[in-house]
PDB file of N, CA and C in Angstrom:
ATOM      1  N   MET A   1       0.840  -1.183   0.000  1.00  0.00           N
ATOM      2  CA  MET A   1       0.000   0.000   0.000  1.00  0.00           C
ATOM      3  C   MET A   1       0.879   1.239   0.000  1.00  0.00           C
ATOM      4  N   CYS A   2       0.421   2.250  -0.679  1.00  0.00           N
ATOM      5  CA  CYS A   2       1.142   3.513  -0.740  1.00  0.00           C
ATOM      6  C   CYS A   2       0.367   4.573   0.017  1.00  0.00           C
ATOM      7  N   ARG A   3       1.085   5.470   0.641  1.00  0.00           N
ATOM      8  CA  ARG A   3       0.445   6.558   1.363  1.00  0.00           C
ATOM      9  C   ARG A   3       0.576   7.850   0.563  1.00  0.00           C
ATOM     10  N   LYS A   4      -0.392   8.734   0.734  1.00  0.00           N
ATOM     11  CA  LYS A   4      -0.319  10.037   0.093  1.00  0.00           C
ATOM     12  C   LYS A   4       0.741  10.878   0.793  1.00  0.00           C
ATOM     13  N   LYS A   5       1.411  11.727   0.016  1.00  0.00           N
ATOM     14  CA  LYS A   5       2.437  12.563   0.610  1.00  0.00           C
ATOM     15  C   LYS A   5       1.845  13.829   1.216  1.00  0.00           C
ATOM     16  N   ASN A   6       0.719  14.295   0.692  1.00  0.00           N
ATOM     17  CA  ASN A   6       0.069  15.460   1.257  1.00  0.00           C
ATOM     18  C   ASN A   6      -1.439  15.320   1.092  1.00  0.00           C
ATOM     19  N   LEU A   7      -2.183  16.325   1.478  1.00  0.00           N
ATOM     20  CA  LEU A   7      -3.635  16.235   1.458  1.00  0.00           C
ATOM     21  C   LEU A   7      -4.209  16.207   0.052  1.00  0.00           C
ATOM     22  N   TRP A   8      -3.546  16.823  -0.905  1.00  0.00           N
ATOM     23  CA  TRP A   8      -4.087  16.958  -2.244  1.00  0.00           C
ATOM     24  C   TRP A   8      -3.682  15.815  -3.153  1.00  0.00           C
ATOM     25  N   GLY A   9      -2.886  14.904  -2.692  1.00  0.00           N
ATOM     26  CA  GLY A   9      -2.413  13.837  -3.546  1.00  0.00           C
ATOM     27  C   GLY A   9      -1.303  14.346  -4.458  1.00  0.00           C
ATOM     28  N   ARG A  10      -1.255  13.814  -5.645  1.00  0.00           N
ATOM     29  CA  ARG A  10      -0.200  14.189  -6.577  1.00  0.00           C
ATOM     30  C   ARG A  10      -0.669  15.341  -7.461  1.00  0.00           C
ATOM     31  N   GLN A  11       0.156  16.363  -7.589  1.00  0.00           N
ATOM     32  CA  GLN A  11      -0.186  17.530  -8.391  1.00  0.00           C
ATOM     33  C   GLN A  11       0.698  17.591  -9.616  1.00  0.00           C
ATOM     34  N   PRO A  12       0.213  18.228 -10.683  1.00  0.00           N
ATOM     35  CA  PRO A  12       1.059  18.400 -11.854  1.00  0.00           C
ATOM     36  C   PRO A  12       2.305  19.216 -11.528  1.00  0.00           C
ATOM     37  N   ALA A  13       3.331  19.035 -12.339  1.00  0.00           N
ATOM     38  CA  ALA A  13       4.608  19.688 -12.069  1.00  0.00           C
ATOM     39  C   ALA A  13       4.540  21.193 -12.264  1.00  0.00           C
ATOM     40  N   TRP A  14       3.585  21.681 -13.032  1.00  0.00           N
ATOM     41  CA  TRP A  14       3.530  23.101 -13.343  1.00  0.00           C
ATOM     42  C   TRP A  14       2.756  23.918 -12.315  1.00  0.00           C
ATOM     43  N   ILE A  15       2.107  23.274 -11.360  1.00  0.00           N
ATOM     44  CA  ILE A  15       1.339  24.023 -10.356  1.00  0.00           C
ATOM     45  C   ILE A  15       2.290  24.586  -9.308  1.00  0.00           C
ATOM     46  N   SER A  16       2.139  25.883  -9.065  1.00  0.00           N
ATOM     47  CA  SER A  16       2.948  26.541  -8.046  1.00  0.00           C
ATOM     48  C   SER A  16       2.023  27.121  -6.971  1.00  0.00           C
ATOM     49  N   LYS A  17       2.616  27.678  -5.940  1.00  0.00           N
ATOM     50  CA  LYS A  17       1.819  28.279  -4.869  1.00  0.00           C
ATOM     51  C   LYS A  17       1.041  29.484  -5.367  1.00  0.00           C
ATOM     52  N   GLU A  18       1.623  30.239  -6.301  1.00  0.00           N
ATOM     53  CA  GLU A  18       0.946  31.409  -6.843  1.00  0.00           C
ATOM     54  C   GLU A  18      -0.305  31.008  -7.625  1.00  0.00           C
ATOM     55  N   ILE A  19      -0.201  29.920  -8.373  1.00  0.00           N
ATOM     56  CA  ILE A  19      -1.353  29.448  -9.139  1.00  0.00           C
ATOM     57  C   ILE A  19      -2.441  28.948  -8.196  1.00  0.00           C
ATOM     58  N   LEU A  20      -2.051  28.221  -7.169  1.00  0.00           N
ATOM     59  CA  LEU A  20      -3.037  27.755  -6.196  1.00  0.00           C
ATOM     60  C   LEU A  20      -3.732  28.914  -5.499  1.00  0.00           C
ATOM     61  N   LEU A  21      -2.973  29.965  -5.185  1.00  0.00           N
ATOM     62  CA  LEU A  21      -3.564  31.146  -4.560  1.00  0.00           C
ATOM     63  C   LEU A  21      -4.539  31.820  -5.509  1.00  0.00           C
ATOM     64  N   GLY A  22      -4.179  31.917  -6.790  1.00  0.00           N
ATOM     65  CA  GLY A  22      -5.072  32.514  -7.772  1.00  0.00           C
ATOM     66  C   GLY A  22      -6.351  31.705  -7.943  1.00  0.00           C
ATOM     67  N   LEU A  23      -6.238  30.393  -7.949  1.00  0.00           N
ATOM     68  CA  LEU A  23      -7.425  29.545  -8.060  1.00  0.00           C
ATOM     69  C   LEU A  23      -8.323  29.683  -6.833  1.00  0.00           C
ATOM     70  N   ARG A  24      -7.706  29.826  -5.673  1.00  0.00           N
ATOM     71  CA  ARG A  24      -8.486  30.026  -4.457  1.00  0.00           C
ATOM     72  C   ARG A  24      -9.239  31.358  -4.505  1.00  0.00           C
ATOM     73  N   LYS A  25      -8.564  32.412  -4.997  1.00  0.00           N
ATOM     74  CA  LYS A  25      -9.214  33.722  -5.135  1.00  0.00           C
ATOM     75  C   LYS A  25     -10.366  33.657  -6.128  1.00  0.00           C
ATOM     76  N   LYS A  26     -10.157  32.915  -7.215  1.00  0.00           N
ATOM     77  CA  LYS A  26     -11.201  32.777  -8.226  1.00  0.00           C
ATOM     78  C   LYS A  26     -12.420  32.066  -7.650  1.00  0.00           C
ATOM     79  N   LYS A  27     -12.184  31.005  -6.873  1.00  0.00           N
ATOM     80  CA  LYS A  27     -13.281  30.262  -6.271  1.00  0.00           C
ATOM     81  C   LYS A  27     -14.054  31.135  -5.283  1.00  0.00           C
ATOM     82  N   ARG A  28     -13.337  31.947  -4.528  1.00  0.00           N
ATOM     83  CA  ARG A  28     -13.975  32.840  -3.564  1.00  0.00           C
ATOM     84  C   ARG A  28     -14.787  33.923  -4.275  1.00  0.00           C
ATOM     85  N   ALA A  29     -14.245  34.456  -5.358  1.00  0.00           N
ATOM     86  CA  ALA A  29     -14.967  35.468  -6.126  1.00  0.00           C
ATOM     87  C   ALA A  29     -16.238  34.878  -6.734  1.00  0.00           C
ATOM     88  N   TYR A  30     -16.175  33.622  -7.185  1.00  0.00           N
ATOM     89  CA  TYR A  30     -17.356  32.961  -7.725  1.00  0.00           C
ATOM     90  C   TYR A  30     -18.429  32.818  -6.652  1.00  0.00           C
ATOM     91  N   TYR A  31     -18.011  32.459  -5.459  1.00  0.00           N
ATOM     92  CA  TYR A  31     -18.942  32.313  -4.348  1.00  0.00           C
ATOM     93  C   TYR A  31     -19.645  33.644  -4.066  1.00  0.00           C
ATOM     94  N   PHE A  32     -18.887  34.726  -4.000  1.00  0.00           N
ATOM     95  CA  PHE A  32     -19.474  36.034  -3.727  1.00  0.00           C
ATOM     96  C   PHE A  32     -20.317  36.526  -4.897  1.00  0.00           C
ATOM     97  N   TRP A  33     -19.922  36.199  -6.119  1.00  0.00           N
ATOM     98  CA  TRP A  33     -20.698  36.604  -7.290  1.00  0.00           C
ATOM     99  C   TRP A  33     -22.065  35.928  -7.272  1.00  0.00           C
ATOM    100  N   LYS A  34     -22.098  34.633  -6.932  1.00  0.00           N
ATOM    101  CA  LYS A  34     -23.364  33.913  -6.891  1.00  0.00           C
ATOM    102  C   LYS A  34     -24.270  34.416  -5.767  1.00  0.00           C
ATOM    103  N   LYS A  35     -23.667  34.923  -4.702  1.00  0.00           N
ATOM    104  CA  LYS A  35     -24.467  35.479  -3.605  1.00  0.00           C
ATOM    105  C   LYS A  35     -24.904  36.911  -3.894  1.00  0.00           C
ATOM    106  N   GLY A  36     -24.347  37.509  -4.943  1.00  0.00           N
ATOM    107  CA  GLY A  36     -24.713  38.878  -5.299  1.00  0.00           C
ATOM    108  C   GLY A  36     -23.870  39.933  -4.614  1.00  0.00           C
ATOM    109  N   GLN A  37     -22.747  39.536  -4.034  1.00  0.00           N
ATOM    110  CA  GLN A  37     -21.906  40.485  -3.317  1.00  0.00           C
ATOM    111  C   GLN A  37     -20.709  40.950  -4.136  1.00  0.00           C
ATOM    112  N   ALA A  38     -20.553  40.421  -5.331  1.00  0.00           N
ATOM    113  CA  ALA A  38     -19.449  40.825  -6.201  1.00  0.00           C
ATOM    114  C   ALA A  38     -19.977  40.918  -7.634  1.00  0.00           C
ATOM    115  N   THR A  39     -19.277  41.664  -8.460  1.00  0.00           N
ATOM    116  CA  THR A  39     -19.719  41.831  -9.836  1.00  0.00           C
ATOM    117  C   THR A  39     -19.180  40.704 -10.713  1.00  0.00           C
ATOM    118  N   GLN A  40     -19.860  40.517 -11.829  1.00  0.00           N
ATOM    119  CA  GLN A  40     -19.429  39.497 -12.768  1.00  0.00           C
ATOM    120  C   GLN A  40     -18.106  39.891 -13.417  1.00  0.00           C
ATOM    121  N   GLU A  41     -17.875  41.179 -13.603  1.00  0.00           N
ATOM    122  CA  GLU A  41     -16.631  41.639 -14.210  1.00  0.00           C
ATOM    123  C   GLU A  41     -15.422  41.294 -13.350  1.00  0.00           C
ATOM    124  N   LYS A  42     -15.584  41.400 -12.039  1.00  0.00           N
ATOM    125  CA  LYS A  42     -14.485  41.050 -11.141  1.00  0.00           C
ATOM    126  C   LYS A  42     -14.170  39.558 -11.240  1.00  0.00           C
ATOM    127  N   TYR A  43     -15.218  38.743 -11.270  1.00  0.00           N
ATOM    128  CA  TYR A  43     -15.017  37.296 -11.384  1.00  0.00           C
ATOM    129  C   TYR A  43     -14.390  36.950 -12.727  1.00  0.00           C
ATOM    130  N   LYS A  44     -14.900  37.521 -13.802  1.00  0.00           N
ATOM    131  CA  LYS A  44     -14.363  37.211 -15.130  1.00  0.00           C
ATOM    132  C   LYS A  44     -12.914  37.671 -15.257  1.00  0.00           C
ATOM    133  N   GLY A  45     -12.570  38.778 -14.605  1.00  0.00           N
ATOM    134  CA  GLY A  45     -11.177  39.233 -14.609  1.00  0.00           C
ATOM    135  C   GLY A  45     -10.254  38.227 -13.946  1.00  0.00           C
ATOM    136  N   LEU A  46     -10.687  37.663 -12.824  1.00  0.00           N
ATOM    137  CA  LEU A  46      -9.891  36.641 -12.147  1.00  0.00           C
ATOM    138  C   LEU A  46      -9.801  35.363 -12.971  1.00  0.00           C
ATOM    139  N   VAL A  47     -10.871  35.035 -13.687  1.00  0.00           N
ATOM    140  CA  VAL A  47     -10.861  33.841 -14.533  1.00  0.00           C
ATOM    141  C   VAL A  47      -9.818  33.980 -15.635  1.00  0.00           C
ATOM    142  N   THR A  48      -9.803  35.117 -16.315  1.00  0.00           N
ATOM    143  CA  THR A  48      -8.841  35.313 -17.401  1.00  0.00           C
ATOM    144  C   THR A  48      -7.416  35.370 -16.871  1.00  0.00           C
ATOM    145  N   LEU A  49      -7.236  35.975 -15.700  1.00  0.00           N
ATOM    146  CA  LEU A  49      -5.904  36.050 -15.103  1.00  0.00           C
ATOM    147  C   LEU A  49      -5.394  34.652 -14.740  1.00  0.00           C
ATOM    148  N   CYS A  50      -6.230  33.842 -14.119  1.00  0.00           N
ATOM    149  CA  CYS A  50      -5.834  32.472 -13.753  1.00  0.00           C
ATOM    150  C   CYS A  50      -5.544  31.648 -14.992  1.00  0.00           C
ATOM    151  N   ARG A  51      -6.377  31.792 -16.011  1.00  0.00           N
ATOM    152  CA  ARG A  51      -6.178  31.033 -17.241  1.00  0.00           C
ATOM    153  C   ARG A  51      -4.843  31.388 -17.889  1.00  0.00           C
ATOM    154  N   ALA A  52      -4.507  32.667 -17.900  1.00  0.00           N
ATOM    155  CA  ALA A  52      -3.236  33.092 -18.487  1.00  0.00           C
ATOM    156  C   ALA A  52      -2.051  32.560 -17.686  1.00  0.00           C
ATOM    157  N   GLU A  53      -2.143  32.619 -16.356  1.00  0.00           N
ATOM    158  CA  GLU A  53      -1.056  32.110 -15.514  1.00  0.00           C
ATOM    159  C   GLU A  53      -0.862  30.603 -15.706  1.00  0.00           C
ATOM    160  N   ILE A  54      -1.956  29.863 -15.796  1.00  0.00           N
ATOM    161  CA  ILE A  54      -1.868  28.415 -15.964  1.00  0.00           C
ATOM    162  C   ILE A  54      -1.251  28.075 -17.314  1.00  0.00           C
ATOM    163  N   ARG A  55      -1.680  28.763 -18.360  1.00  0.00           N
ATOM    164  CA  ARG A  55      -1.121  28.495 -19.689  1.00  0.00           C
ATOM    165  C   ARG A  55       0.371  28.808 -19.738  1.00  0.00           C
ATOM    166  N   GLN A  56       0.760  29.910 -19.096  1.00  0.00           N
ATOM    167  CA  GLN A  56       2.179  30.277 -19.073  1.00  0.00           C
ATOM    168  C   GLN A  56       2.989  29.253 -18.281  1.00  0.00           C
ATOM    169  N   ALA A  57       2.459  28.807 -17.149  1.00  0.00           N
ATOM    170  CA  ALA A  57       3.174  27.829 -16.331  1.00  0.00           C
ATOM    171  C   ALA A  57       3.317  26.495 -17.063  1.00  0.00           C
ATOM    172  N   LYS A  58       2.268  26.077 -17.772  1.00  0.00           N
ATOM    173  CA  LYS A  58       2.344  24.827 -18.532  1.00  0.00           C
ATOM    174  C   LYS A  58       3.377  24.934 -19.640  1.00  0.00           C
ATOM    175  N   ALA A  59       3.394  26.078 -20.326  1.00  0.00           N
ATOM    176  CA  ALA A  59       4.356  26.268 -21.410  1.00  0.00           C
ATOM    177  C   ALA A  59       5.785  26.245 -20.874  1.00  0.00           C
ATOM    178  N   GLN A  60       6.025  26.891 -19.742  1.00  0.00           N
ATOM    179  CA  GLN A  60       7.358  26.893 -19.142  1.00  0.00           C
ATOM    180  C   GLN A  60       7.772  25.485 -18.725  1.00  0.00           C
ATOM    181  N   ALA A  61       6.833  24.719 -18.184  1.00  0.00           N
ATOM    182  CA  ALA A  61       7.148  23.345 -17.778  1.00  0.00           C
ATOM    183  C   ALA A  61       7.497  22.491 -18.992  1.00  0.00           C
ATOM    184  N   GLN A  62       6.786  22.689 -20.087  1.00  0.00           N
ATOM    185  CA  GLN A  62       7.086  21.930 -21.304  1.00  0.00           C
ATOM    186  C   GLN A  62       8.448  22.305 -21.868  1.00  0.00           C
ATOM    187  N   ILE A  63       8.781  23.589 -21.805  1.00  0.00           N
ATOM    188  CA  ILE A  63      10.094  24.032 -22.290  1.00  0.00           C
ATOM    189  C   ILE A  63      11.198  23.435 -21.432  1.00  0.00           C
ATOM    190  N   ARG A  64      11.022  23.465 -20.103  1.00  0.00           N
ATOM    191  CA  ARG A  64      12.019  22.881 -19.199  1.00  0.00           C
ATOM    192  C   ARG A  64      12.182  21.387 -19.465  1.00  0.00           C
ATOM    193  N   LEU A  65      11.063  20.701 -19.679  1.00  0.00           N
ATOM    194  CA  LEU A  65      11.117  19.274 -19.959  1.00  0.00           C
ATOM    195  C   LEU A  65      11.842  18.997 -21.271  1.00  0.00           C
ATOM    196  N   ALA A  66      11.553  19.786 -22.290  1.00  0.00           N
ATOM    197  CA  ALA A  66      12.183  19.566 -23.590  1.00  0.00           C
ATOM    198  C   ALA A  66      13.689  19.796 -23.521  1.00  0.00           C
ATOM    199  N   THR A  67      14.120  20.818 -22.801  1.00  0.00           N
ATOM    200  CA  THR A  67      15.559  21.062 -22.691  1.00  0.00           C
ATOM    201  C   THR A  67      16.234  19.994 -21.838  1.00  0.00           C
ATOM    202  N   ALA A  68      15.548  19.534 -20.798  1.00  0.00           N
ATOM    203  CA  ALA A  68      16.124  18.510 -19.936  1.00  0.00           C
ATOM    204  C   ALA A  68      16.239  17.184 -20.681  1.00  0.00           C
ATOM    205  N   VAL A  69      15.260  16.854 -21.500  1.00  0.00           N
ATOM    206  CA  VAL A  69      15.281  15.588 -22.233  1.00  0.00           C
ATOM    207  C   VAL A  69      16.343  15.623 -23.328  1.00  0.00           C
ATOM    208  N   SER A  70      16.539  16.800 -23.931  1.00  0.00           N
ATOM    209  CA  SER A  70      17.560  16.875 -24.976  1.00  0.00           C
ATOM    210  C   SER A  70      18.959  16.673 -24.393  1.00  0.00           C
ATOM    211  N   ASP A  71      19.149  17.038 -23.131  1.00  0.00           N
ATOM    212  CA  ASP A  71      20.441  16.840 -22.482  1.00  0.00           C
ATOM    213  C   ASP A  71      20.612  15.411 -21.972  1.00  0.00           C
ATOM    214  N   ASN A  72      19.562  14.888 -21.332  1.00  0.00           N
ATOM    215  CA  ASN A  72      19.640  13.566 -20.724  1.00  0.00           C
ATOM    216  C   ASN A  72      18.282  12.879 -20.868  1.00  0.00           C
ATOM    217  N   LYS A  73      18.232  11.763 -21.529  1.00  0.00           N
ATOM    218  CA  LYS A  73      16.974  11.074 -21.812  1.00  0.00           C
ATOM    219  C   LYS A  73      16.302  10.518 -20.554  1.00  0.00           C
ATOM    220  N   ASN A  74      17.051  10.216 -19.530  1.00  0.00           N
ATOM    221  CA  ASN A  74      16.474   9.624 -18.324  1.00  0.00           C
ATOM    222  C   ASN A  74      15.719  10.629 -17.469  1.00  0.00           C
ATOM    223  N   THR A  75      15.904  11.915 -17.687  1.00  0.00           N
ATOM    224  CA  THR A  75      15.192  12.902 -16.865  1.00  0.00           C
ATOM    225  C   THR A  75      13.705  12.883 -17.136  1.00  0.00           C
ATOM    226  N   PHE A  76      13.287  12.446 -18.316  1.00  0.00           N
ATOM    227  CA  PHE A  76      11.857  12.376 -18.608  1.00  0.00           C
ATOM    228  C   PHE A  76      11.146  11.421 -17.649  1.00  0.00           C
ATOM    229  N   LEU A  77      11.791  10.348 -17.308  1.00  0.00           N
ATOM    230  CA  LEU A  77      11.187   9.369 -16.408  1.00  0.00           C
ATOM    231  C   LEU A  77      11.083   9.895 -14.987  1.00  0.00           C
ATOM    232  N   HIS A  78      11.993  10.773 -14.591  1.00  0.00           N
ATOM    233  CA  HIS A  78      11.984  11.287 -13.215  1.00  0.00           C
ATOM    234  C   HIS A  78      11.066  12.480 -13.059  1.00  0.00           C
ATOM    235  N   ILE A  79      10.824  13.215 -14.135  1.00  0.00           N
ATOM    236  CA  ILE A  79       9.977  14.401 -14.032  1.00  0.00           C
ATOM    237  C   ILE A  79       8.515  14.006 -14.091  1.00  0.00           C
ATOM    238  N   TYR A  80       8.139  13.131 -15.022  1.00  0.00           N
ATOM    239  CA  TYR A  80       6.733  12.753 -15.181  1.00  0.00           C
ATOM    240  C   TYR A  80       6.502  11.310 -14.919  1.00  0.00           C
TER     241      TYR A  80
END
């Protein structure tokens, strides 16, 4: 049997603390928007910001992986 290392289980390599914080802010803004305490523009702004950060982080992770694999083929197995 294997044990989880943390509460969230295994996360993708591109997720950082900043992205998690942005997702938490987005979820909170959605909650307030549905209750009528925040505007839709504020929520949509956070959605686009989170989406851009996630896309940038994924692209950077892919670039790092590609450069690491071109140097050493075994790093692909250790990263993913």
